[in-house]
C-alpha atoms as a PDB file:
ATOM      1  CA  VAL A   1       5.845   6.781 348.697  1.00  0.00           C
ATOM      2  CA  GLY A   2       8.085   6.440 346.177  1.00  0.00           C
ATOM      3  CA  GLY A   3      10.786   8.074 347.691  1.00  0.00           C
ATOM      4  CA  VAL A   4      11.106  10.619 350.554  1.00  0.00           C
ATOM      5  CA  MET A   5      13.522  13.834 351.701  1.00  0.00           C
ATOM      6  CA  TRP A   6      14.865  14.827 355.132  1.00  0.00           C
ATOM      7  CA  HIS A   7      15.888  18.252 355.284  1.00  0.00           C
ATOM      8  CA  ALA A   8      16.554  20.043 358.026  1.00  0.00           C
ATOM      9  CA  PRO A   9      16.186  23.849 357.922  1.00  0.00           C
ATOM     10  CA  HIS A  10      19.338  24.691 359.555  1.00  0.00           C
ATOM     11  CA  VAL A  11      22.435  23.840 361.725  1.00  0.00           C
ATOM     12  CA  SER A  12      21.056  19.813 362.158  1.00  0.00           C
ATOM     13  CA  ASP A  13      22.556  20.554 365.564  1.00  0.00           C
ATOM     14  CA  ALA A  14      19.534  23.081 366.850  1.00  0.00           C
ATOM     15  CA  ALA A  15      16.664  21.809 363.491  1.00  0.00           C
ATOM     16  CA  ALA A  16      14.391  18.770 363.522  1.00  0.00           C
ATOM     17  CA  PHE A  17      14.054  16.486 359.866  1.00  0.00           C
ATOM     18  CA  LEU A  18      11.002  16.836 358.505  1.00  0.00           C
ATOM     19  CA  PRO A  19      10.056  14.534 355.878  1.00  0.00           C
ATOM     20  CA  PHE A  20       8.671  15.316 352.477  1.00  0.00           C
ATOM     21  CA  PRO A  21       7.307  12.979 349.623  1.00  0.00           C
ATOM     22  CA  ILE A  22       9.280  13.515 346.435  1.00  0.00           C
ATOM     23  CA  GLY A  23       6.448  14.283 344.541  1.00  0.00           C
ATOM     24  CA  LEU A  24       5.443  17.579 346.426  1.00  0.00           C
ATOM     25  CA  SER A  25       5.361  20.190 344.788  1.00  0.00           C
ATOM     26  CA  GLN A  26       6.485  24.164 346.578  1.00  0.00           C
ATOM     27  CA  GLU A  27       2.759  25.247 346.326  1.00  0.00           C
ATOM     28  CA  ASP A  28       2.624  21.928 348.397  1.00  0.00           C
ATOM     29  CA  LEU A  29       4.804  23.889 351.334  1.00  0.00           C
ATOM     30  CA  PRO A  30       3.944  25.973 353.966  1.00  0.00           C
ATOM     31  CA  LYS A  31       4.812  29.387 353.193  1.00  0.00           C
ATOM     32  CA  GLY A  32       7.212  29.091 356.663  1.00  0.00           C
ATOM     33  CA  LEU A  33       9.728  26.870 354.432  1.00  0.00           C
ATOM     34  CA  THR A  34       9.306  28.083 350.815  1.00  0.00           C
ATOM     35  CA  THR A  35      10.314  32.019 351.968  1.00  0.00           C
ATOM     36  CA  VAL A  36      13.456  32.747 353.936  1.00  0.00           C
ATOM     37  CA  PRO A  37      12.647  36.710 354.251  1.00  0.00           C
ATOM     38  CA  LYS A  38      15.725  39.250 355.802  1.00  0.00           C
ATOM     39  CA  ASP A  39      14.368  40.800 358.241  1.00  0.00           C
ATOM     40  CA  VAL A  40      13.063  38.036 360.690  1.00  0.00           C
ATOM     41  CA  ASP A  41       9.596  36.306 361.287  1.00  0.00           C
ATOM     42  CA  ARG A  42       9.003  33.124 363.392  1.00  0.00           C
ATOM     43  CA  ASP A  43       6.180  32.307 360.718  1.00  0.00           C
ATOM     44  CA  THR A  44       9.321  30.934 358.942  1.00  0.00           C
ATOM     45  CA  ALA A  45      11.456  27.837 359.158  1.00  0.00           C
ATOM     46  CA  TYR A  46      14.516  29.410 358.689  1.00  0.00           C
ATOM     47  CA  TRP A  47      13.887  31.973 361.545  1.00  0.00           C
ATOM     48  CA  ALA A  48      12.761  30.236 363.816  1.00  0.00           C
ATOM     49  CA  ASN A  49      15.469  27.351 363.349  1.00  0.00           C
ATOM     50  CA  LEU A  50      18.594  30.100 363.274  1.00  0.00           C
ATOM     51  CA  LEU A  51      16.495  32.389 366.252  1.00  0.00           C
ATOM     52  CA  LEU A  52      17.147  28.430 368.839  1.00  0.00           C
ATOM     53  CA  TYR A  53      20.198  27.745 367.994  1.00  0.00           C
ATOM     54  CA  ASN A  54      21.685  31.466 368.648  1.00  0.00           C
ATOM     55  CA  VAL A  55      19.795  30.523 371.927  1.00  0.00           C
ATOM     56  CA  MET A  56      21.134  27.151 372.012  1.00  0.00           C
ATOM     57  CA  GLU A  57      23.970  29.306 372.926  1.00  0.00           C
ATOM     58  CA  ILE A  58      23.446  30.358 375.816  1.00  0.00           C
ATOM     59  CA  LYS A  59      23.572  26.925 377.427  1.00  0.00           C
ATOM     60  CA  TYR A  60      25.095  24.559 374.851  1.00  0.00           C
ATOM     61  CA  SER A  61      25.606  21.811 376.917  1.00  0.00           C
ATOM     62  CA  TYR A  62      22.572  22.054 378.648  1.00  0.00           C
ATOM     63  CA  MET A  63      19.830  23.379 376.126  1.00  0.00           C
ATOM     64  CA  VAL A  64      21.458  20.509 373.384  1.00  0.00           C
ATOM     65  CA  LYS A  65      19.335  17.568 375.636  1.00  0.00           C
ATOM     66  CA  ASP A  66      15.941  19.707 375.191  1.00  0.00           C
ATOM     67  CA  VAL A  67      16.308  20.083 372.039  1.00  0.00           C
ATOM     68  CA  ARG A  68      17.283  16.898 371.434  1.00  0.00           C
ATOM     69  CA  ALA A  69      14.062  15.569 373.223  1.00  0.00           C
ATOM     70  CA  PHE A  70      12.501  17.966 370.886  1.00  0.00           C
ATOM     71  CA  GLN A  71      13.646  16.344 367.560  1.00  0.00           C
ATOM     72  CA  ASP A  72      13.262  12.853 368.461  1.00  0.00           C
ATOM     73  CA  ARG A  73       9.642  13.715 369.379  1.00  0.00           C
ATOM     74  CA  VAL A  74       9.618  15.443 365.982  1.00  0.00           C
ATOM     75  CA  GLU A  75      10.900  13.248 363.690  1.00  0.00           C
ATOM     76  CA  ALA A  76       8.791  10.302 364.773  1.00  0.00           C
ATOM     77  CA  ALA A  77       5.850  11.984 364.004  1.00  0.00           C
ATOM     78  CA  GLY A  78       7.496  12.976 360.684  1.00  0.00           C
ATOM     79  CA  ALA A  79       7.979   9.088 360.640  1.00  0.00           C
ATOM     80  CA  ALA A  80       4.583   8.209 361.994  1.00  0.00           C
ATOM     81  CA  LEU A  81       2.757  10.595 359.303  1.00  0.00           C
ATOM     82  CA  LEU A  82       5.343   8.561 356.161  1.00  0.00           C
ATOM     83  CA  SER A  83       3.899   5.050 357.691  1.00  0.00           C
ATOM     84  CA  GLN A  84       0.070   6.913 357.456  1.00  0.00           C
ATOM     85  CA  GLU A  85      -1.394   5.187 354.224  1.00  0.00           C
ATOM     86  CA  GLY A  86      -3.296   8.098 352.172  1.00  0.00           C
ATOM     87  CA  ALA A  87      -1.228  11.399 354.354  1.00  0.00           C
ATOM     88  CA  THR A  88      -1.728  13.902 351.530  1.00  0.00           C
ATOM     89  CA  ALA A  89       0.107  16.709 350.906  1.00  0.00           C
ATOM     90  CA  ALA A  90      -1.174  19.169 353.719  1.00  0.00           C
ATOM     91  CA  ASP A  91      -0.773  15.820 355.537  1.00  0.00           C
ATOM     92  CA  TYR A  92       2.416  16.547 354.844  1.00  0.00           C
ATOM     93  CA  ALA A  93       2.441  21.226 355.025  1.00  0.00           C
ATOM     94  CA  ALA A  94       0.227  21.286 358.274  1.00  0.00           C
ATOM     95  CA  HIS A  95       2.967  18.945 359.928  1.00  0.00           C
ATOM     96  CA  ALA A  96       5.840  20.641 358.554  1.00  0.00           C
ATOM     97  CA  ALA A  97       3.786  23.780 359.593  1.00  0.00           C
ATOM     98  CA  ALA A  98       3.603  23.261 362.762  1.00  0.00           C
ATOM     99  CA  VAL A  99       7.007  22.179 363.774  1.00  0.00           C
ATOM    100  CA  ILE A 100       7.462  25.736 362.854  1.00  0.00           C
ATOM    101  CA  ARG A 101       5.543  26.920 365.291  1.00  0.00           C
ATOM    102  CA  GLU A 102       6.851  24.108 368.125  1.00  0.00           C
ATOM    103  CA  THR A 103      10.486  24.885 366.986  1.00  0.00           C
ATOM    104  CA  ALA A 104       9.955  29.668 367.846  1.00  0.00           C
ATOM    105  CA  ALA A 105       8.142  28.609 370.606  1.00  0.00           C
ATOM    106  CA  LEU A 106      11.272  26.685 372.070  1.00  0.00           C
ATOM    107  CA  SER A 107      13.280  29.696 371.149  1.00  0.00           C
ATOM    108  CA  ASP A 108      11.242  30.712 374.026  1.00  0.00           C
ATOM    109  CA  THR A 109      10.993  27.810 376.447  1.00  0.00           C
ATOM    110  CA  LEU A 110      15.129  27.814 376.459  1.00  0.00           C
ATOM    111  CA  ILE A 111      15.271  30.444 377.510  1.00  0.00           C
ATOM    112  CA  GLN A 112      12.622  30.868 379.880  1.00  0.00           C
ATOM    113  CA  HIS A 113      13.983  27.492 381.467  1.00  0.00           C
ATOM    114  CA  TYR A 114      18.013  29.503 381.529  1.00  0.00           C
ATOM    115  CA  PRO A 115      18.037  32.672 381.597  1.00  0.00           C
ATOM    116  CA  ASP A 116      21.303  34.939 381.625  1.00  0.00           C
ATOM    117  CA  GLY A 117      22.796  30.628 381.656  1.00  0.00           C
ATOM    118  CA  TYR A 118      20.981  29.778 384.993  1.00  0.00           C
ATOM    119  CA  CYS A 119      18.677  27.060 385.366  1.00  0.00           C
ATOM    120  CA  ASN A 120      15.138  28.106 385.781  1.00  0.00           C
ATOM    121  CA  GLY A 121      13.118  25.041 386.100  1.00  0.00           C
ATOM    122  CA  CYS A 122      14.801  23.911 383.213  1.00  0.00           C
ATOM    123  CA  GLY A 123      15.070  20.717 385.051  1.00  0.00           C
ATOM    124  CA  HIS A 124      18.367  17.761 384.719  1.00  0.00           C
ATOM    125  CA  GLY A 125      18.682  17.329 388.346  1.00  0.00           C
ATOM    126  CA  LEU A 126      20.257  21.734 388.641  1.00  0.00           C
ATOM    127  CA  ASP A 127      20.156  24.721 390.885  1.00  0.00           C
ATOM    128  CA  HIS A 128      19.369  27.924 390.186  1.00  0.00           C
ATOM    129  CA  ASP A 129      23.574  28.793 389.659  1.00  0.00           C
ATOM    130  CA  ILE A 130      25.125  26.726 386.795  1.00  0.00           C
ATOM    131  CA  PRO A 131      28.655  26.966 388.743  1.00  0.00           C
ATOM    132  CA  TYR A 132      30.948  27.803 385.842  1.00  0.00           C
ATOM    133  CA  PRO A 133      33.731  24.474 385.284  1.00  0.00           C
ATOM    134  CA  ASP A 134      36.682  24.363 387.820  1.00  0.00           C
ATOM    135  CA  TRP A 135      38.762  24.723 384.825  1.00  0.00           C
ATOM    136  CA  TRP A 136      37.413  27.753 383.327  1.00  0.00           C
ATOM    137  CA  LEU A 137      37.866  29.266 386.483  1.00  0.00           C
ATOM    138  CA  LYS A 138      41.602  28.113 386.742  1.00  0.00           C
ATOM    139  CA  ALA A 139      41.932  29.617 383.701  1.00  0.00           C
ATOM    140  CA  VAL A 140      40.764  33.378 384.340  1.00  0.00           C
ATOM    141  CA  ASN A 141      42.473  33.010 387.639  1.00  0.00           C
ATOM    142  CA  TYR A 142      38.932  33.519 390.089  1.00  0.00           C
ATOM    143  CA  THR A 143      39.411  31.271 392.851  1.00  0.00           C
ATOM    144  CA  ASN A 144      36.956  32.259 394.989  1.00  0.00           C
ATOM    145  CA  PRO A 145      34.136  33.040 393.747  1.00  0.00           C
ATOM    146  CA  LYS A 146      32.393  34.987 396.274  1.00  0.00           C
ATOM    147  CA  VAL A 147      35.010  37.800 396.823  1.00  0.00           C
ATOM    148  CA  GLY A 148      35.983  38.434 393.396  1.00  0.00           C
ATOM    149  CA  PRO A 149      38.607  37.977 390.782  1.00  0.00           C
ATOM    150  CA  ALA A 150      42.178  36.742 392.151  1.00  0.00           C
ATOM    151  CA  HIS A 151      43.500  40.199 390.057  1.00  0.00           C
ATOM    152  CA  PRO A 152      41.703  44.105 390.025  1.00  0.00           C
ATOM    153  CA  VAL A 153      39.967  44.351 387.561  1.00  0.00           C
ATOM    154  CA  GLN A 154      41.912  47.523 384.928  1.00  0.00           C
ATOM    155  CA  ALA A 155      40.161  50.704 383.492  1.00  0.00           C
ATOM    156  CA  PRO A 156      40.538  49.951 379.728  1.00  0.00           C
ATOM    157  CA  PRO A 157      43.213  51.855 377.527  1.00  0.00           C
ATOM    158  CA  ALA A 158      42.449  55.540 376.804  1.00  0.00           C
ATOM    159  CA  THR A 159      42.316  54.574 372.921  1.00  0.00           C
ATOM    160  CA  PRO A 160      40.658  51.429 370.532  1.00  0.00           C
ATOM    161  CA  ALA A 161      43.641  50.951 369.228  1.00  0.00           C
ATOM    162  CA  ALA A 162      45.597  50.792 372.603  1.00  0.00           C
ATOM    163  CA  CYS A 163      42.900  48.411 373.957  1.00  0.00           C
ATOM    164  CA  VAL A 164      42.451  46.109 371.229  1.00  0.00           C
ATOM    165  CA  ALA A 165      46.148  45.840 372.035  1.00  0.00           C
ATOM    166  CA  LYS A 166      45.904  44.580 374.767  1.00  0.00           C
ATOM    167  CA  CYS A 167      43.242  42.028 374.076  1.00  0.00           C
ATOM    168  CA  PRO A 168      43.735  38.029 374.785  1.00  0.00           C
ATOM    169  CA  GLU A 169      44.735  36.021 371.688  1.00  0.00           C
ATOM    170  CA  ASP A 170      44.000  32.024 372.987  1.00  0.00           C
ATOM    171  CA  THR A 171      40.747  31.877 371.333  1.00  0.00           C
ATOM    172  CA  PHE A 172      38.556  33.662 368.192  1.00  0.00           C
ATOM    173  CA  THR A 173      36.004  33.624 370.200  1.00  0.00           C
ATOM    174  CA  ALA A 174      37.567  35.891 373.642  1.00  0.00           C
ATOM    175  CA  TYR A 175      39.555  38.080 370.839  1.00  0.00           C
ATOM    176  CA  LYS A 176      36.493  38.742 368.999  1.00  0.00           C
ATOM    177  CA  GLU A 177      34.266  39.937 371.997  1.00  0.00           C
ATOM    178  CA  CYS A 178      37.355  41.221 373.017  1.00  0.00           C
ATOM    179  CA  VAL A 179      37.867  43.459 369.150  1.00  0.00           C
ATOM    180  CA  GLU A 180      33.455  44.193 370.385  1.00  0.00           C
ATOM    181  CA  ARG A 181      34.242  46.156 373.458  1.00  0.00           C
ATOM    182  CA  CYS A 182      36.491  48.355 372.895  1.00  0.00           C
ATOM    183  CA  LEU A 183      35.219  49.364 369.836  1.00  0.00           C
END
């Protein structure tokens, strides 16, 4: 192998890097790596990795550990393939296709292990309930989780504009979520 390009089909936090020897043609690669369909298709690298990344947002600080273990395993398999004398374009295509399938399956596993932000056999020495951190509970004035919020929840304003005017502006995500609820 003269040169190698390691390619991740999405952001590096959620995608495993795949090795491709320089000189492979598009015809040598699996279809799932060479197409980016407009509609969701879990058989393509783009959508499998985009789905995984979005699933990770449910409980990123925990799920990233599972994803990194996956990345380490499949990237080591890619490195082993590079060291195999006589590895063919078909071998690299088969490796890439397997990683795409495993990436899509990992999304399902993470949803099963972290449903609604809970731990359902997720490992990491966690109980079923993954508590919110104390700093967050204080920030939202949630002093006794067994009783409820420290102040009653108010009915939303009568108009969307009035509702949006009351949205917190401390973070973009909080503001965006509030605006979406108002509209």
